[in-house]
Amino acid sequence: MAVTLFLPTVLSKLAEGRPIESNGATVGAIVADVATRYPNLAPRLRDETGQPYPFVTFYLNDEDIRFQGGFDAKVSDGDELTVVPAIAGG
């Protein structure tokens, strides 16, 4: 399934500065594909066991994947996956 991954500006610099087209059946497969293609981006998307960090949120078509099965969430052709890192400050 062709999925478009959108990254925040700080991370997009590690992936040629543009959205990434990827194929896979689940969010985890998409992230794994992107991590293989962009190794410098990999440790910012998932931990060493391949799981999402608690402070990085993934949205599949504007829905938080934590409520859709996490990295096991199924994707469809044309879906959009957006990465939103936690923001701290005060």
Protein backbone atom coordinates (compact mmCIF):
# COMPACT_ATOMS: atom_id res chain seq x y z
CA MET A 1 0.00 0.00 0.00
CA ALA A 2 1.41 3.42 -0.89
CA VAL A 3 1.46 5.64 2.20
CA THR A 4 2.89 9.15 2.61
CA LEU A 5 4.89 9.82 5.77
CA PHE A 6 5.04 13.43 6.90
CA LEU A 7 7.81 14.49 9.25
CA PRO A 8 8.27 17.63 11.35
CA THR A 9 10.86 20.07 10.01
CA VAL A 10 13.53 19.00 12.48
CA LEU A 11 13.29 15.38 11.28
CA SER A 12 12.61 16.02 7.61
CA LYS A 13 16.19 17.26 7.26
CA LEU A 14 17.24 13.65 7.76
CA ALA A 15 15.02 12.52 4.89
CA GLU A 16 15.78 14.90 2.05
CA GLY A 17 13.44 17.56 3.44
CA ARG A 18 10.22 16.23 1.96
CA PRO A 19 7.42 13.73 2.68
CA ILE A 20 8.38 10.09 2.16
CA GLU A 21 6.41 7.64 0.05
CA SER A 22 6.50 4.11 1.45
CA ASN A 23 4.78 0.77 1.08
CA GLY A 24 3.64 -1.66 3.75
CA ALA A 25 0.58 -3.25 5.31
CA THR A 26 0.95 -1.71 8.79
CA VAL A 27 2.29 1.43 10.39
CA GLY A 28 5.19 -0.63 11.75
CA ALA A 29 6.06 -1.86 8.26
CA ILE A 30 6.03 1.71 6.96
CA VAL A 31 8.29 2.88 9.80
CA ALA A 32 10.62 -0.10 9.28
CA ASP A 33 10.89 0.67 5.56
CA VAL A 34 11.64 4.33 6.22
CA ALA A 35 14.17 3.42 8.93
CA THR A 36 15.99 1.16 6.47
CA ARG A 37 16.04 3.80 3.74
CA TYR A 38 17.04 6.63 6.09
CA PRO A 39 19.25 5.11 8.82
CA ASN A 40 19.93 8.48 10.50
CA LEU A 41 16.19 8.93 10.95
CA ALA A 42 15.60 5.44 12.38
CA PRO A 43 16.55 6.09 16.04
CA ARG A 44 14.26 9.10 16.12
CA LEU A 45 11.19 7.12 15.04
CA ARG A 46 11.45 3.97 17.14
CA ASP A 47 13.46 2.45 19.97
CA GLU A 48 16.10 -0.28 19.67
CA THR A 49 13.41 -2.99 19.87
CA GLY A 50 11.48 -1.47 16.97
CA GLN A 51 8.67 -0.02 19.10
CA PRO A 52 7.45 3.59 19.07
CA TYR A 53 8.75 5.95 21.73
CA PRO A 54 6.13 7.16 24.22
CA PHE A 55 7.08 10.77 23.42
CA VAL A 56 6.64 10.47 19.64
CA THR A 57 3.06 10.33 18.38
CA PHE A 58 2.09 8.88 15.03
CA TYR A 59 -1.18 9.93 13.40
CA LEU A 60 -2.71 7.79 10.68
CA ASN A 61 -5.10 10.01 8.75
CA ASP A 62 -5.34 12.35 11.78
CA GLU A 63 -6.06 9.50 14.22
CA ASP A 64 -3.58 8.60 16.97
CA ILE A 65 -2.25 5.09 16.22
CA ARG A 66 -2.18 4.27 19.96
CA PHE A 67 -5.95 3.85 19.68
CA GLN A 68 -5.73 1.81 16.47
CA GLY A 69 -3.27 -0.91 17.49
CA GLY A 70 0.00 1.04 17.52
CA PHE A 71 2.53 -0.15 14.97
CA ASP A 72 0.13 -3.01 14.13
CA ALA A 73 -2.45 -0.53 12.77
CA LYS A 74 -3.38 -1.44 9.21
CA VAL A 75 -2.80 1.06 6.43
CA SER A 76 -4.51 1.49 3.09
CA ASP A 77 -3.35 2.87 -0.22
CA GLY A 78 -3.29 6.66 -0.08
CA ASP A 79 -3.14 6.91 3.72
CA GLU A 80 -1.14 9.65 5.39
CA LEU A 81 1.07 9.02 8.41
CA THR A 82 2.26 12.05 10.38
CA VAL A 83 4.99 12.06 13.04
CA VAL A 84 4.65 14.53 15.92
CA PRO A 85 7.43 14.59 18.54
CA ALA A 86 6.66 15.79 22.06
CA ILE A 87 7.19 19.47 22.67
CA ALA A 88 8.43 20.66 26.03
CA GLY A 89 8.75 24.10 27.40
CA GLY A 90 7.06 26.60 29.53
